[in-house]
Amino acid sequence: ELTSWEDPAGFTLQYPQNLTLNKH
């Protein structure tokens, strides 16, 4: 299962749901 991410820098991506995202 993938989660979508839209970044204000101007790109989008997807990543597996069981990961932790640190936006720093």
PDB file of all heavy atoms in Angstrom:
ATOM      1  N   GLU A   1       0.846  -1.192   0.000  1.00  0.00           N
ATOM      2  CA  GLU A   1       0.000   0.000   0.000  1.00  0.00           C
ATOM      3  C   GLU A   1       0.882   1.243   0.000  1.00  0.00           C
ATOM      4  O   GLU A   1       1.790   1.368   0.825  1.00  0.00           O
ATOM      5  CB  GLU A   1      -0.910   0.010   1.233  1.00  0.00           C
ATOM      6  CG  GLU A   1      -1.818  -1.205   1.345  1.00  0.00           C
ATOM      7  CD  GLU A   1      -2.813  -1.275   0.197  1.00  0.00           C
ATOM      8  OE1 GLU A   1      -3.245  -0.196  -0.280  1.00  0.00           O
ATOM      9  OE2 GLU A   1      -3.160  -2.384  -0.233  1.00  0.00           O
ATOM     10  N   LEU A   2       0.609   2.164  -0.921  1.00  0.00           N
ATOM     11  CA  LEU A   2       1.457   3.342  -1.081  1.00  0.00           C
ATOM     12  C   LEU A   2       0.769   4.608  -0.603  1.00  0.00           C
ATOM     13  O   LEU A   2      -0.459   4.737  -0.700  1.00  0.00           O
ATOM     14  CB  LEU A   2       1.857   3.502  -2.554  1.00  0.00           C
ATOM     15  CG  LEU A   2       2.581   2.317  -3.207  1.00  0.00           C
ATOM     16  CD1 LEU A   2       2.936   2.653  -4.645  1.00  0.00           C
ATOM     17  CD2 LEU A   2       3.835   1.919  -2.422  1.00  0.00           C
ATOM     18  N   THR A   3       1.570   5.525  -0.088  1.00  0.00           N
ATOM     19  CA  THR A   3       1.102   6.846   0.320  1.00  0.00           C
ATOM     20  C   THR A   3       1.682   7.877  -0.638  1.00  0.00           C
ATOM     21  O   THR A   3       2.846   7.791  -1.021  1.00  0.00           O
ATOM     22  CB  THR A   3       1.563   7.159   1.759  1.00  0.00           C
ATOM     23  OG1 THR A   3       0.962   6.217   2.647  1.00  0.00           O
ATOM     24  CG2 THR A   3       1.147   8.562   2.162  1.00  0.00           C
ATOM     25  N   SER A   4       0.867   8.840  -1.025  1.00  0.00           N
ATOM     26  CA  SER A   4       1.321   9.893  -1.942  1.00  0.00           C
ATOM     27  C   SER A   4       1.808  11.101  -1.153  1.00  0.00           C
ATOM     28  O   SER A   4       1.274  11.425  -0.092  1.00  0.00           O
ATOM     29  CB  SER A   4       0.184  10.315  -2.884  1.00  0.00           C
ATOM     30  OG  SER A   4      -0.211   9.229  -3.696  1.00  0.00           O
ATOM     31  N   TRP A   5       2.820  11.760  -1.683  1.00  0.00           N
ATOM     32  CA  TRP A   5       3.347  12.974  -1.067  1.00  0.00           C
ATOM     33  C   TRP A   5       3.522  14.035  -2.136  1.00  0.00           C
ATOM     34  O   TRP A   5       4.115  13.794  -3.186  1.00  0.00           O
ATOM     35  CB  TRP A   5       4.692  12.701  -0.386  1.00  0.00           C
ATOM     36  CG  TRP A   5       5.369  13.952   0.090  1.00  0.00           C
ATOM     37  CD1 TRP A   5       6.382  14.638  -0.525  1.00  0.00           C
ATOM     38  CD2 TRP A   5       5.050  14.684   1.271  1.00  0.00           C
ATOM     39  NE1 TRP A   5       6.728  15.740   0.206  1.00  0.00           N
ATOM     40  CE2 TRP A   5       5.924  15.803   1.320  1.00  0.00           C
ATOM     41  CE3 TRP A   5       4.120  14.517   2.297  1.00  0.00           C
ATOM     42  CZ2 TRP A   5       5.882  16.732   2.351  1.00  0.00           C
ATOM     43  CZ3 TRP A   5       4.090  15.454   3.332  1.00  0.00           C
ATOM     44  CH2 TRP A   5       4.961  16.535   3.346  1.00  0.00           C
ATOM     45  N   GLU A   6       2.980  15.225  -1.881  1.00  0.00           N
ATOM     46  CA  GLU A   6       3.145  16.369  -2.776  1.00  0.00           C
ATOM     47  C   GLU A   6       3.974  17.406  -2.051  1.00  0.00           C
ATOM     48  O   GLU A   6       3.568  17.914  -1.000  1.00  0.00           O
ATOM     49  CB  GLU A   6       1.780  16.942  -3.170  1.00  0.00           C
ATOM     50  CG  GLU A   6       1.881  18.102  -4.149  1.00  0.00           C
ATOM     51  CD  GLU A   6       0.521  18.576  -4.644  1.00  0.00           C
ATOM     52  OE1 GLU A   6      -0.448  17.795  -4.554  1.00  0.00           O
ATOM     53  OE2 GLU A   6       0.442  19.729  -5.109  1.00  0.00           O
ATOM     54  N   ASP A   7       5.132  17.683  -2.587  1.00  0.00           N
ATOM     55  CA  ASP A   7       6.068  18.567  -1.891  1.00  0.00           C
ATOM     56  C   ASP A   7       5.976  19.997  -2.405  1.00  0.00           C
ATOM     57  O   ASP A   7       5.843  20.220  -3.614  1.00  0.00           O
ATOM     58  CB  ASP A   7       7.499  18.051  -2.088  1.00  0.00           C
ATOM     59  CG  ASP A   7       8.443  18.631  -1.059  1.00  0.00           C
ATOM     60  OD1 ASP A   7       8.596  18.023   0.019  1.00  0.00           O
ATOM     61  OD2 ASP A   7       9.026  19.710  -1.328  1.00  0.00           O
ATOM     62  N   PRO A   8       6.040  20.967  -1.506  1.00  0.00           N
ATOM     63  CA  PRO A   8       5.987  22.371  -1.938  1.00  0.00           C
ATOM     64  C   PRO A   8       7.147  22.785  -2.831  1.00  0.00           C
ATOM     65  O   PRO A   8       7.075  23.817  -3.503  1.00  0.00           O
ATOM     66  CB  PRO A   8       5.995  23.146  -0.611  1.00  0.00           C
ATOM     67  CG  PRO A   8       6.535  22.195   0.410  1.00  0.00           C
ATOM     68  CD  PRO A   8       6.088  20.850  -0.036  1.00  0.00           C
ATOM     69  N   ALA A   9       8.218  21.978  -2.843  1.00  0.00           N
ATOM     70  CA  ALA A   9       9.354  22.300  -3.721  1.00  0.00           C
ATOM     71  C   ALA A   9       9.003  22.083  -5.192  1.00  0.00           C
ATOM     72  O   ALA A   9       9.732  22.542  -6.067  1.00  0.00           O
ATOM     73  CB  ALA A   9      10.566  21.459  -3.343  1.00  0.00           C
ATOM     74  N   GLY A  10       7.910  21.349  -5.467  1.00  0.00           N
ATOM     75  CA  GLY A  10       7.479  21.190  -6.852  1.00  0.00           C
ATOM     76  C   GLY A  10       7.554  19.788  -7.408  1.00  0.00           C
ATOM     77  O   GLY A  10       7.804  19.610  -8.594  1.00  0.00           O
ATOM     78  N   PHE A  11       7.341  18.770  -6.567  1.00  0.00           N
ATOM     79  CA  PHE A  11       7.349  17.395  -7.066  1.00  0.00           C
ATOM     80  C   PHE A  11       6.392  16.538  -6.238  1.00  0.00           C
ATOM     81  O   PHE A  11       5.964  16.924  -5.136  1.00  0.00           O
ATOM     82  CB  PHE A  11       8.756  16.789  -7.007  1.00  0.00           C
ATOM     83  CG  PHE A  11       9.306  16.619  -5.612  1.00  0.00           C
ATOM     84  CD1 PHE A  11       9.109  15.435  -4.911  1.00  0.00           C
ATOM     85  CD2 PHE A  11      10.023  17.637  -4.998  1.00  0.00           C
ATOM     86  CE1 PHE A  11       9.608  15.273  -3.623  1.00  0.00           C
ATOM     87  CE2 PHE A  11      10.528  17.480  -3.718  1.00  0.00           C
ATOM     88  CZ  PHE A  11      10.319  16.295  -3.028  1.00  0.00           C
ATOM     89  N   THR A  12       6.056  15.397  -6.789  1.00  0.00           N
ATOM     90  CA  THR A  12       5.227  14.424  -6.082  1.00  0.00           C
ATOM     91  C   THR A  12       5.933  13.070  -6.115  1.00  0.00           C
ATOM     92  O   THR A  12       6.754  12.806  -6.999  1.00  0.00           O
ATOM     93  CB  THR A  12       3.828  14.283  -6.715  1.00  0.00           C
ATOM     94  OG1 THR A  12       3.985  13.833  -8.070  1.00  0.00           O
ATOM     95  CG2 THR A  12       3.087  15.615  -6.702  1.00  0.00           C
ATOM     96  N   LEU A  13       5.589  12.227  -5.156  1.00  0.00           N
ATOM     97  CA  LEU A  13       6.126  10.864  -5.146  1.00  0.00           C
ATOM     98  C   LEU A  13       5.193   9.976  -4.337  1.00  0.00           C
ATOM     99  O   LEU A  13       4.247  10.453  -3.701  1.00  0.00           O
ATOM    100  CB  LEU A  13       7.554  10.834  -4.576  1.00  0.00           C
ATOM    101  CG  LEU A  13       7.828  11.411  -3.184  1.00  0.00           C
ATOM    102  CD1 LEU A  13       7.369  10.488  -2.056  1.00  0.00           C
ATOM    103  CD2 LEU A  13       9.315  11.693  -3.014  1.00  0.00           C
ATOM    104  N   GLN A  14       5.474   8.684  -4.351  1.00  0.00           N
ATOM    105  CA  GLN A  14       4.751   7.710  -3.549  1.00  0.00           C
ATOM    106  C   GLN A  14       5.753   6.838  -2.802  1.00  0.00           C
ATOM    107  O   GLN A  14       6.866   6.608  -3.282  1.00  0.00           O
ATOM    108  CB  GLN A  14       3.844   6.841  -4.422  1.00  0.00           C
ATOM    109  CG  GLN A  14       2.640   7.586  -4.996  1.00  0.00           C
ATOM    110  CD  GLN A  14       1.734   6.664  -5.798  1.00  0.00           C
ATOM    111  OE1 GLN A  14       2.187   5.982  -6.705  1.00  0.00           O
ATOM    112  NE2 GLN A  14       0.468   6.636  -5.447  1.00  0.00           N
ATOM    113  N   TYR A  15       5.314   6.348  -1.632  1.00  0.00           N
ATOM    114  CA  TYR A  15       6.198   5.498  -0.824  1.00  0.00           C
ATOM    115  C   TYR A  15       5.353   4.506  -0.031  1.00  0.00           C
ATOM    116  O   TYR A  15       4.167   4.764   0.233  1.00  0.00           O
ATOM    117  CB  TYR A  15       7.057   6.350   0.105  1.00  0.00           C
ATOM    118  CG  TYR A  15       6.284   7.166   1.129  1.00  0.00           C
ATOM    119  CD1 TYR A  15       6.048   6.669   2.422  1.00  0.00           C
ATOM    120  CD2 TYR A  15       5.790   8.429   0.825  1.00  0.00           C
ATOM    121  CE1 TYR A  15       5.351   7.400   3.355  1.00  0.00           C
ATOM    122  CE2 TYR A  15       5.086   9.177   1.756  1.00  0.00           C
ATOM    123  CZ  TYR A  15       4.875   8.662   3.022  1.00  0.00           C
ATOM    124  OH  TYR A  15       4.173   9.400   3.953  1.00  0.00           O
ATOM    125  N   PRO A  16       5.917   3.361   0.365  1.00  0.00           N
ATOM    126  CA  PRO A  16       5.169   2.360   1.125  1.00  0.00           C
ATOM    127  C   PRO A  16       4.659   2.916   2.464  1.00  0.00           C
ATOM    128  O   PRO A  16       5.355   3.675   3.135  1.00  0.00           O
ATOM    129  CB  PRO A  16       6.193   1.241   1.359  1.00  0.00           C
ATOM    130  CG  PRO A  16       7.139   1.373   0.208  1.00  0.00           C
ATOM    131  CD  PRO A  16       7.249   2.846  -0.033  1.00  0.00           C
ATOM    132  N   GLN A  17       3.446   2.508   2.842  1.00  0.00           N
ATOM    133  CA  GLN A  17       2.796   3.056   4.031  1.00  0.00           C
ATOM    134  C   GLN A  17       3.525   2.728   5.331  1.00  0.00           C
ATOM    135  O   GLN A  17       3.376   3.443   6.322  1.00  0.00           O
ATOM    136  CB  GLN A  17       1.350   2.552   4.129  1.00  0.00           C
ATOM    137  CG  GLN A  17       0.394   3.240   3.173  1.00  0.00           C
ATOM    138  CD  GLN A  17      -1.035   2.805   3.394  1.00  0.00           C
ATOM    139  OE1 GLN A  17      -1.315   1.927   4.217  1.00  0.00           O
ATOM    140  NE2 GLN A  17      -1.959   3.391   2.652  1.00  0.00           N
ATOM    141  N   ASN A  18       4.293   1.636   5.361  1.00  0.00           N
ATOM    142  CA  ASN A  18       4.934   1.260   6.619  1.00  0.00           C
ATOM    143  C   ASN A  18       6.288   1.944   6.833  1.00  0.00           C
ATOM    144  O   ASN A  18       7.075   1.515   7.668  1.00  0.00           O
ATOM    145  CB  ASN A  18       5.089  -0.261   6.736  1.00  0.00           C
ATOM    146  CG  ASN A  18       5.923  -0.863   5.609  1.00  0.00           C
ATOM    147  OD1 ASN A  18       6.118  -0.235   4.565  1.00  0.00           O
ATOM    148  ND2 ASN A  18       6.406  -2.075   5.808  1.00  0.00           N
ATOM    149  N   LEU A  19       6.535   3.014   6.079  1.00  0.00           N
ATOM    150  CA  LEU A  19       7.736   3.815   6.300  1.00  0.00           C
ATOM    151  C   LEU A  19       7.401   5.046   7.129  1.00  0.00           C
ATOM    152  O   LEU A  19       6.258   5.502   7.161  1.00  0.00           O
ATOM    153  CB  LEU A  19       8.342   4.265   4.970  1.00  0.00           C
ATOM    154  CG  LEU A  19       8.847   3.190   4.015  1.00  0.00           C
ATOM    155  CD1 LEU A  19       9.479   3.850   2.801  1.00  0.00           C
ATOM    156  CD2 LEU A  19       9.838   2.258   4.697  1.00  0.00           C
ATOM    157  N   THR A  20       8.411   5.585   7.790  1.00  0.00           N
ATOM    158  CA  THR A  20       8.269   6.834   8.526  1.00  0.00           C
ATOM    159  C   THR A  20       8.903   7.951   7.708  1.00  0.00           C
ATOM    160  O   THR A  20      10.028   7.815   7.231  1.00  0.00           O
ATOM    161  CB  THR A  20       8.963   6.742   9.899  1.00  0.00           C
ATOM    162  OG1 THR A  20       8.348   5.697  10.663  1.00  0.00           O
ATOM    163  CG2 THR A  20       8.830   8.048  10.656  1.00  0.00           C
ATOM    164  N   LEU A  21       8.171   9.049   7.542  1.00  0.00           N
ATOM    165  CA  LEU A  21       8.667  10.190   6.774  1.00  0.00           C
ATOM    166  C   LEU A  21       9.052  11.325   7.713  1.00  0.00           C
ATOM    167  O   LEU A  21       8.240  11.803   8.496  1.00  0.00           O
ATOM    168  CB  LEU A  21       7.597  10.667   5.788  1.00  0.00           C
ATOM    169  CG  LEU A  21       7.871  12.010   5.080  1.00  0.00           C
ATOM    170  CD1 LEU A  21       9.168  11.964   4.291  1.00  0.00           C
ATOM    171  CD2 LEU A  21       6.698  12.386   4.185  1.00  0.00           C
ATOM    172  N   ASN A  22      10.311  11.742   7.619  1.00  0.00           N
ATOM    173  CA  ASN A  22      10.797  12.913   8.349  1.00  0.00           C
ATOM    174  C   ASN A  22      11.049  14.016   7.324  1.00  0.00           C
ATOM    175  O   ASN A  22      11.919  13.890   6.465  1.00  0.00           O
ATOM    176  CB  ASN A  22      12.086  12.576   9.104  1.00  0.00           C
ATOM    177  CG  ASN A  22      12.582  13.741   9.955  1.00  0.00           C
ATOM    178  OD1 ASN A  22      12.115  14.873   9.824  1.00  0.00           O
ATOM    179  ND2 ASN A  22      13.540  13.471  10.826  1.00  0.00           N
ATOM    180  N   LYS A  23      10.293  15.105   7.416  1.00  0.00           N
ATOM    181  CA  LYS A  23      10.385  16.184   6.422  1.00  0.00           C
ATOM    182  C   LYS A  23      11.544  17.151   6.723  1.00  0.00           C
ATOM    183  O   LYS A  23      11.807  18.048   5.930  1.00  0.00           O
ATOM    184  CB  LYS A  23       9.053  16.945   6.367  1.00  0.00           C
ATOM    185  CG  LYS A  23       7.883  16.073   5.940  1.00  0.00           C
ATOM    186  CD  LYS A  23       6.591  16.861   5.825  1.00  0.00           C
ATOM    187  CE  LYS A  23       5.998  17.206   7.185  1.00  0.00           C
ATOM    188  NZ  LYS A  23       5.531  16.012   7.919  1.00  0.00           N
ATOM    189  N   HIS A  24      12.201  16.979   7.842  1.00  0.00           N
ATOM    190  CA  HIS A  24      13.346  17.814   8.237  1.00  0.00           C
ATOM    191  C   HIS A  24      13.049  19.294   8.033  1.00  0.00           C
ATOM    192  O   HIS A  24      13.773  20.018   7.327  1.00  0.00           O
ATOM    193  CB  HIS A  24      14.607  17.411   7.462  1.00  0.00           C
ATOM    194  CG  HIS A  24      15.221  16.140   7.953  1.00  0.00           C
ATOM    195  ND1 HIS A  24      15.964  16.064   9.116  1.00  0.00           N
ATOM    196  CD2 HIS A  24      15.182  14.869   7.454  1.00  0.00           C
ATOM    197  CE1 HIS A  24      16.375  14.822   9.302  1.00  0.00           C
ATOM    198  NE2 HIS A  24      15.914  14.071   8.315  1.00  0.00           N
TER     199      HIS A  24
END
